[in-house]
C-alpha atoms as a PDB file:
ATOM      1  CA  MET A   1     -40.499  -9.767  10.876  1.00  0.00           C
ATOM      2  CA  LEU A   2     -39.553 -10.711  14.433  1.00  0.00           C
ATOM      3  CA  ALA A   3     -42.121 -11.264  17.181  1.00  0.00           C
ATOM      4  CA  GLY A   4     -41.669  -9.246  20.339  1.00  0.00           C
ATOM      5  CA  ALA A   5     -42.119  -5.832  21.835  1.00  0.00           C
ATOM      6  CA  ARG A   6     -41.676  -2.486  20.046  1.00  0.00           C
ATOM      7  CA  LEU A   7     -42.608  -3.726  16.575  1.00  0.00           C
ATOM      8  CA  ARG A   8     -42.759  -1.052  13.913  1.00  0.00           C
ATOM      9  CA  PRO A   9     -46.395  -0.401  12.940  1.00  0.00           C
ATOM     10  CA  GLU A  10     -45.635  -0.960   9.257  1.00  0.00           C
ATOM     11  CA  GLY A  11     -43.897  -4.276  10.012  1.00  0.00           C
ATOM     12  CA  THR A  12     -45.317  -7.801   9.976  1.00  0.00           C
ATOM     13  CA  ASN A  13     -45.386 -10.137  12.958  1.00  0.00           C
ATOM     14  CA  ALA A  14     -45.346 -13.454  11.148  1.00  0.00           C
ATOM     15  CA  ASP A  15     -43.337 -16.573  10.354  1.00  0.00           C
ATOM     16  CA  PRO A  16     -40.511 -15.352   8.064  1.00  0.00           C
ATOM     17  CA  ARG A  17     -40.667 -18.632   6.079  1.00  0.00           C
ATOM     18  CA  ILE A  18     -36.944 -18.936   5.542  1.00  0.00           C
ATOM     19  CA  VAL A  19     -35.153 -22.145   4.603  1.00  0.00           C
ATOM     20  CA  GLY A  20     -33.202 -22.697   7.793  1.00  0.00           C
ATOM     21  CA  SER A  21     -33.125 -21.627  11.418  1.00  0.00           C
ATOM     22  CA  LEU A  22     -32.078 -18.257  12.764  1.00  0.00           C
ATOM     23  CA  GLY A  23     -28.302 -18.076  13.144  1.00  0.00           C
ATOM     24  CA  GLY A  24     -27.796 -20.751  10.507  1.00  0.00           C
ATOM     25  CA  GLY A  25     -25.676 -18.601   8.221  1.00  0.00           C
ATOM     26  CA  PRO A  26     -26.512 -16.798   4.957  1.00  0.00           C
ATOM     27  CA  THR A  27     -27.987 -19.829   3.179  1.00  0.00           C
ATOM     28  CA  ALA A  28     -30.483 -20.327   6.024  1.00  0.00           C
ATOM     29  CA  TYR A  29     -32.058 -16.942   5.306  1.00  0.00           C
ATOM     30  CA  GLN A  30     -33.195 -17.751   1.767  1.00  0.00           C
ATOM     31  CA  LEU A  31     -36.906 -17.195   1.251  1.00  0.00           C
ATOM     32  CA  THR A  32     -39.543 -19.832   0.543  1.00  0.00           C
ATOM     33  CA  ALA A  33     -42.916 -19.436  -1.141  1.00  0.00           C
ATOM     34  CA  GLY A  34     -45.336 -17.392   0.918  1.00  0.00           C
ATOM     35  CA  ALA A  35     -42.646 -15.553   2.876  1.00  0.00           C
ATOM     36  CA  PRO A  36     -43.968 -12.159   4.023  1.00  0.00           C
ATOM     37  CA  ALA A  37     -40.786 -10.476   2.696  1.00  0.00           C
ATOM     38  CA  VAL A  38     -41.718 -11.328  -0.905  1.00  0.00           C
ATOM     39  CA  GLY A  39     -42.784  -8.243  -2.834  1.00  0.00           C
ATOM     40  CA  ARG A  40     -42.365  -5.952   0.174  1.00  0.00           C
ATOM     41  CA  GLY A  41     -39.146  -4.197  -0.917  1.00  0.00           C
ATOM     42  CA  ALA A  42     -39.213  -0.519  -1.795  1.00  0.00           C
ATOM     43  CA  PRO A  43     -36.880   0.535  -4.643  1.00  0.00           C
ATOM     44  CA  VAL A  44     -33.986   2.770  -3.617  1.00  0.00           C
ATOM     45  CA  ALA A  45     -33.329   5.769  -5.815  1.00  0.00           C
ATOM     46  CA  SER A  46     -29.954   6.773  -7.241  1.00  0.00           C
ATOM     47  CA  PRO A  47     -27.080   7.253  -6.645  1.00  0.00           C
ATOM     48  CA  ARG A  48     -26.933   3.830  -4.977  1.00  0.00           C
ATOM     49  CA  GLY A  49     -29.882   2.213  -6.721  1.00  0.00           C
ATOM     50  CA  MET A  50     -31.005  -1.370  -6.245  1.00  0.00           C
ATOM     51  CA  GLY A  51     -28.423  -3.417  -8.103  1.00  0.00           C
ATOM     52  CA  ALA A  52     -29.139  -6.240 -10.525  1.00  0.00           C
ATOM     53  CA  ARG A  53     -28.359  -9.250  -8.276  1.00  0.00           C
ATOM     54  CA  ASP A  54     -29.149 -10.418  -4.756  1.00  0.00           C
ATOM     55  CA  TYR A  55     -26.674 -11.872  -2.260  1.00  0.00           C
ATOM     56  CA  PHE A  56     -26.847 -15.298  -3.949  1.00  0.00           C
ATOM     57  CA  ASP A  57     -26.400 -13.849  -7.462  1.00  0.00           C
ATOM     58  CA  ASP A  58     -30.044 -14.249  -8.477  1.00  0.00           C
ATOM     59  CA  ALA A  59     -31.460 -11.543 -10.756  1.00  0.00           C
ATOM     60  CA  THR A  60     -33.541  -8.846  -9.076  1.00  0.00           C
ATOM     61  CA  PRO A  61     -36.394  -8.190  -9.083  1.00  0.00           C
ATOM     62  CA  GLN A  62     -38.312 -11.430  -9.638  1.00  0.00           C
ATOM     63  CA  GLY A  63     -41.911 -10.973 -10.734  1.00  0.00           C
ATOM     64  CA  GLY A  64     -41.694  -7.214 -11.106  1.00  0.00           C
ATOM     65  CA  THR A  65     -41.329  -6.289  -7.412  1.00  0.00           C
ATOM     66  CA  TYR A  66     -38.394  -6.442  -5.045  1.00  0.00           C
ATOM     67  CA  ASP A  67     -38.294  -8.680  -1.991  1.00  0.00           C
ATOM     68  CA  THR A  68     -37.139  -7.415   1.400  1.00  0.00           C
ATOM     69  CA  GLY A  69     -33.710  -8.572   2.550  1.00  0.00           C
ATOM     70  CA  ALA A  70     -30.635 -10.062   0.900  1.00  0.00           C
ATOM     71  CA  ASP A  71     -32.455 -12.875  -0.942  1.00  0.00           C
ATOM     72  CA  GLU A  72     -34.816 -12.553  -3.877  1.00  0.00           C
ATOM     73  CA  LEU A  73     -37.224 -15.509  -4.103  1.00  0.00           C
ATOM     74  CA  SER A  74     -36.316 -17.210  -7.374  1.00  0.00           C
ATOM     75  CA  GLY A  75     -37.574 -20.788  -6.998  1.00  0.00           C
ATOM     76  CA  THR A  76     -34.038 -22.193  -6.607  1.00  0.00           C
ATOM     77  CA  LEU A  77     -31.856 -22.381  -3.528  1.00  0.00           C
ATOM     78  CA  SER A  78     -28.132 -21.754  -3.252  1.00  0.00           C
ATOM     79  CA  GLY A  79     -25.941 -24.224  -1.401  1.00  0.00           C
ATOM     80  CA  THR A  80     -23.091 -21.797  -0.875  1.00  0.00           C
ATOM     81  CA  ASN A  81     -22.871 -18.784   1.397  1.00  0.00           C
ATOM     82  CA  SER A  82     -22.375 -16.501  -1.591  1.00  0.00           C
ATOM     83  CA  ASN A  83     -22.247 -16.900  -5.342  1.00  0.00           C
ATOM     84  CA  ALA A  84     -20.944 -13.384  -5.796  1.00  0.00           C
ATOM     85  CA  ALA A  85     -17.673 -12.956  -7.675  1.00  0.00           C
ATOM     86  CA  PRO A  86     -14.647 -12.305  -5.434  1.00  0.00           C
ATOM     87  CA  VAL A  87     -13.898  -8.653  -4.919  1.00  0.00           C
ATOM     88  CA  GLY A  88     -10.598  -7.493  -6.402  1.00  0.00           C
ATOM     89  CA  HIS A  89      -7.942  -6.305  -4.002  1.00  0.00           C
ATOM     90  CA  THR A  90      -5.076  -3.906  -4.500  1.00  0.00           C
ATOM     91  CA  THR A  91      -1.688  -5.240  -3.493  1.00  0.00           C
ATOM     92  CA  VAL A  92       0.773  -2.640  -2.267  1.00  0.00           C
ATOM     93  CA  SER A  93       4.425  -3.440  -2.846  1.00  0.00           C
ATOM     94  CA  PRO A  94       6.821  -3.133   0.100  1.00  0.00           C
ATOM     95  CA  SER A  95       8.717   0.137   0.248  1.00  0.00           C
ATOM     96  CA  VAL A  96      12.416   0.941   0.506  1.00  0.00           C
ATOM     97  CA  ARG A  97      14.167   4.008   1.879  1.00  0.00           C
ATOM     98  CA  VAL A  98      17.632   5.451   2.287  1.00  0.00           C
ATOM     99  CA  ALA A  99      18.649   4.607   5.840  1.00  0.00           C
ATOM    100  CA  ASP A 100      22.138   6.080   6.043  1.00  0.00           C
ATOM    101  CA  ILE A 101      24.926   7.855   4.168  1.00  0.00           C
ATOM    102  CA  TRP A 102      28.471   7.973   5.468  1.00  0.00           C
ATOM    103  CA  THR A 103      31.948   8.857   4.190  1.00  0.00           C
ATOM    104  CA  THR A 104      34.996   6.596   4.488  1.00  0.00           C
ATOM    105  CA  ASP A 105      38.621   6.327   3.563  1.00  0.00           C
ATOM    106  CA  ALA A 106      39.780   3.880   0.889  1.00  0.00           C
ATOM    107  CA  SER A 107      39.704   0.951   3.325  1.00  0.00           C
ATOM    108  CA  GLY A 108      36.101   1.612   4.384  1.00  0.00           C
ATOM    109  CA  THR A 109      36.831   3.187   7.751  1.00  0.00           C
ATOM    110  CA  PRO A 110      34.429   6.056   8.514  1.00  0.00           C
ATOM    111  CA  ARG A 111      36.081   9.436   7.971  1.00  0.00           C
ATOM    112  CA  PRO A 112      34.393  12.889   8.069  1.00  0.00           C
ATOM    113  CA  VAL A 113      37.256  15.199   6.966  1.00  0.00           C
ATOM    114  CA  PHE A 114      39.277  15.037   3.729  1.00  0.00           C
ATOM    115  CA  ALA A 115      42.188  17.002   2.331  1.00  0.00           C
ATOM    116  CA  ASN A 116      41.910  18.997  -0.883  1.00  0.00           C
ATOM    117  CA  ASN A 117      42.399  17.074  -4.124  1.00  0.00           C
ATOM    118  CA  THR A 118      41.952  13.657  -2.543  1.00  0.00           C
ATOM    119  CA  THR A 119      39.288  11.015  -3.034  1.00  0.00           C
ATOM    120  CA  VAL A 120      36.137  11.000  -0.941  1.00  0.00           C
ATOM    121  CA  ASN A 121      34.563   7.566  -0.619  1.00  0.00           C
ATOM    122  CA  TYR A 122      30.988   7.339   0.573  1.00  0.00           C
ATOM    123  CA  LYS A 123      28.312   4.722   1.037  1.00  0.00           C
ATOM    124  CA  VAL A 124      24.508   4.770   0.822  1.00  0.00           C
ATOM    125  CA  ARG A 125      22.515   2.107   2.671  1.00  0.00           C
ATOM    126  CA  VAL A 126      18.989   1.141   1.524  1.00  0.00           C
ATOM    127  CA  VAL A 127      16.559  -0.833   3.713  1.00  0.00           C
ATOM    128  CA  ASP A 128      12.948  -2.013   3.404  1.00  0.00           C
ATOM    129  CA  ASP A 129      10.025  -1.042   5.628  1.00  0.00           C
ATOM    130  CA  GLN A 130      11.189  -3.636   8.165  1.00  0.00           C
ATOM    131  CA  GLY A 131      14.692  -2.186   8.330  1.00  0.00           C
ATOM    132  CA  GLN A 132      16.244  -5.087   6.396  1.00  0.00           C
ATOM    133  CA  PRO A 133      18.931  -4.430   3.742  1.00  0.00           C
ATOM    134  CA  VAL A 134      17.746  -4.484   0.132  1.00  0.00           C
ATOM    135  CA  PRO A 135      20.163  -5.645  -2.595  1.00  0.00           C
ATOM    136  CA  GLY A 136      19.783  -4.817  -6.278  1.00  0.00           C
ATOM    137  CA  VAL A 137      18.713  -1.184  -5.827  1.00  0.00           C
ATOM    138  CA  THR A 138      20.218   1.328  -8.248  1.00  0.00           C
ATOM    139  CA  VAL A 139      21.191   4.447  -6.288  1.00  0.00           C
ATOM    140  CA  THR A 140      22.035   7.659  -8.136  1.00  0.00           C
ATOM    141  CA  SER A 141      23.715  10.442  -6.176  1.00  0.00           C
ATOM    142  CA  ARG A 142      25.401  13.792  -6.588  1.00  0.00           C
ATOM    143  CA  VAL A 143      27.902  15.698  -4.460  1.00  0.00           C
ATOM    144  CA  TYR A 144      27.506  19.448  -4.005  1.00  0.00           C
ATOM    145  CA  ALA A 145      30.209  21.905  -2.951  1.00  0.00           C
ATOM    146  CA  GLN A 146      29.588  24.511  -0.281  1.00  0.00           C
ATOM    147  CA  ASP A 147      28.186  27.001  -2.833  1.00  0.00           C
ATOM    148  CA  TRP A 148      25.824  24.235  -4.084  1.00  0.00           C
ATOM    149  CA  SER A 149      27.659  23.899  -7.368  1.00  0.00           C
ATOM    150  CA  TRP A 150      28.120  20.337  -8.601  1.00  0.00           C
ATOM    151  CA  LEU A 151      31.336  18.802  -7.422  1.00  0.00           C
ATOM    152  CA  THR A 152      31.001  16.141 -10.133  1.00  0.00           C
ATOM    153  CA  PRO A 153      30.118  16.852 -13.778  1.00  0.00           C
ATOM    154  CA  THR A 154      27.592  13.981 -13.816  1.00  0.00           C
ATOM    155  CA  THR A 155      25.580  11.971 -11.332  1.00  0.00           C
ATOM    156  CA  LEU A 156      27.097   8.782  -9.942  1.00  0.00           C
ATOM    157  CA  SER A 157      25.290   5.427  -9.842  1.00  0.00           C
ATOM    158  CA  ASP A 158      25.857   2.109  -8.119  1.00  0.00           C
ATOM    159  CA  VAL A 159      23.788  -0.963  -7.223  1.00  0.00           C
ATOM    160  CA  THR A 160      23.375  -2.040  -3.596  1.00  0.00           C
ATOM    161  CA  ASP A 161      25.071  -5.255  -2.519  1.00  0.00           C
ATOM    162  CA  SER A 162      23.735  -7.985  -0.203  1.00  0.00           C
ATOM    163  CA  ALA A 163      24.144  -5.601   2.743  1.00  0.00           C
ATOM    164  CA  GLY A 164      22.009  -2.999   0.971  1.00  0.00           C
ATOM    165  CA  VAL A 165      25.031  -0.714   0.466  1.00  0.00           C
ATOM    166  CA  ALA A 166      26.014   1.203  -2.679  1.00  0.00           C
ATOM    167  CA  ASP A 167      29.627   2.477  -2.904  1.00  0.00           C
ATOM    168  CA  PHE A 168      30.789   5.739  -4.458  1.00  0.00           C
ATOM    169  CA  SER A 169      33.976   7.774  -4.782  1.00  0.00           C
ATOM    170  CA  VAL A 170      34.518  11.341  -5.950  1.00  0.00           C
ATOM    171  CA  PRO A 171      37.429  13.841  -5.984  1.00  0.00           C
ATOM    172  CA  SER A 172      37.205  16.218  -3.039  1.00  0.00           C
ATOM    173  CA  GLY A 173      37.984  19.268  -5.137  1.00  0.00           C
ATOM    174  CA  GLY A 174      40.446  22.053  -4.564  1.00  0.00           C
ATOM    175  CA  SER A 175      38.518  24.373  -2.269  1.00  0.00           C
ATOM    176  CA  ASP A 176      37.839  24.250   1.444  1.00  0.00           C
ATOM    177  CA  GLY A 177      34.292  23.980   2.746  1.00  0.00           C
ATOM    178  CA  ILE A 178      31.400  21.686   3.453  1.00  0.00           C
ATOM    179  CA  HIS A 179      30.320  19.232   0.778  1.00  0.00           C
ATOM    180  CA  THR A 180      26.853  17.623   0.770  1.00  0.00           C
ATOM    181  CA  ILE A 181      25.956  14.198  -0.624  1.00  0.00           C
ATOM    182  CA  VAL A 182      22.413  13.863  -1.946  1.00  0.00           C
ATOM    183  CA  PRO A 183      20.736  10.693  -3.325  1.00  0.00           C
ATOM    184  CA  VAL A 184      18.843  12.031  -6.355  1.00  0.00           C
ATOM    185  CA  ASP A 185      17.216   8.741  -7.378  1.00  0.00           C
ATOM    186  CA  VAL A 186      16.638   5.314  -5.850  1.00  0.00           C
ATOM    187  CA  ALA A 187      15.373   2.626  -8.244  1.00  0.00           C
ATOM    188  CA  PRO A 188      14.532  -0.685  -6.526  1.00  0.00           C
ATOM    189  CA  PRO A 189      13.486  -3.921  -8.293  1.00  0.00           C
ATOM    190  CA  ALA A 190       9.980  -3.981  -9.767  1.00  0.00           C
ATOM    191  CA  SER A 191       8.488  -5.722  -6.707  1.00  0.00           C
ATOM    192  CA  LEU A 192       9.399  -2.741  -4.484  1.00  0.00           C
ATOM    193  CA  TYR A 193       8.932   1.015  -4.541  1.00  0.00           C
ATOM    194  CA  TYR A 194      10.994   3.894  -3.191  1.00  0.00           C
ATOM    195  CA  ASP A 195       9.225   5.997  -0.551  1.00  0.00           C
ATOM    196  CA  SER A 196      11.339   9.138  -0.233  1.00  0.00           C
ATOM    197  CA  ALA A 197       9.075  10.450   2.541  1.00  0.00           C
ATOM    198  CA  LEU A 198      10.511   7.769   4.838  1.00  0.00           C
ATOM    199  CA  ASP A 199      14.042   9.085   4.312  1.00  0.00           C
ATOM    200  CA  SER A 200      13.197  11.760   6.892  1.00  0.00           C
ATOM    201  CA  GLU A 201      13.138   9.017   9.533  1.00  0.00           C
ATOM    202  CA  SER A 202      16.869   8.544   8.999  1.00  0.00           C
ATOM    203  CA  PRO A 203      18.983  11.005  11.009  1.00  0.00           C
ATOM    204  CA  GLY A 204      21.397  13.162   9.037  1.00  0.00           C
ATOM    205  CA  LEU A 205      19.683  12.973   5.644  1.00  0.00           C
ATOM    206  CA  PRO A 206      20.281  14.536   3.243  1.00  0.00           C
ATOM    207  CA  GLY A 207      23.918  14.275   3.907  1.00  0.00           C
ATOM    208  CA  PRO A 208      26.292  13.736   5.361  1.00  0.00           C
ATOM    209  CA  VAL A 209      28.061  17.057   5.423  1.00  0.00           C
ATOM    210  CA  THR A 210      31.678  16.324   4.646  1.00  0.00           C
ATOM    211  CA  GLN A 211      34.406  18.844   5.439  1.00  0.00           C
ATOM    212  CA  VAL A 212      37.189  19.401   2.941  1.00  0.00           C
ATOM    213  CA  GLN A 213      40.280  21.307   4.018  1.00  0.00           C
END
C-alpha cells in the first residue's frame, strides 16, 4: 500500500484512498470507494477467527469479502476514534497484613516475660499495602503453650482501632515455658482483603514468643 523500495510482490503500489491524511488518527484511515484494500482481506482461521465487527463497529464482511486493515468499507463514516464498547477492567482491592504483635503489661508497656497465673496482654497491628494503620479489622487469635496445646479454650477476637491495633488479654497459665501468639484470621472491611503472604515481611511473625516463668 505504501510507495517506496522493498515492496512485497503481492502488494499494491497505489493511492490507498483513505478519508484523511497519514498520521491523522484512526478516523483518517477509513476507506473510500475504490480503495485497493477493499475485498483484499484473507479470512483467518480459528482459533482467533475474523470477528464480526471492524474497528469502527461496522459489521464484517461487507459484500461477502473482507477488506484489508481495521476498517471495512460500509458507505458510512465514523466521526469518533472508536465505536467499540469499553473493555471491562478488574479492580483489585487494597490488601492488609499483620505488621506486628507484641506483649505488654496492663498499662500498655511492652513486656516479654510474665509470671505464672498472671494476665498476658498483647496487641496485633494491621496495616495496608502502604504501611498505614487500618481500623475496623476483626482479628482472631489464639495462644499456644510450649507443647502447642491451646492456652485458651476458644479463640479471641477484637476489632482494630484508629491506630490499626487490636487488644487481647489471656491468663498466662500455670506452667513455665514459651508461649506463641498466632493470628488465625484477619477479616478487614469489604473494600479490603487480607494477604497473609505479606505477613512474612513483618519480622517476628508468627509470634511473639512470650516466656512464662
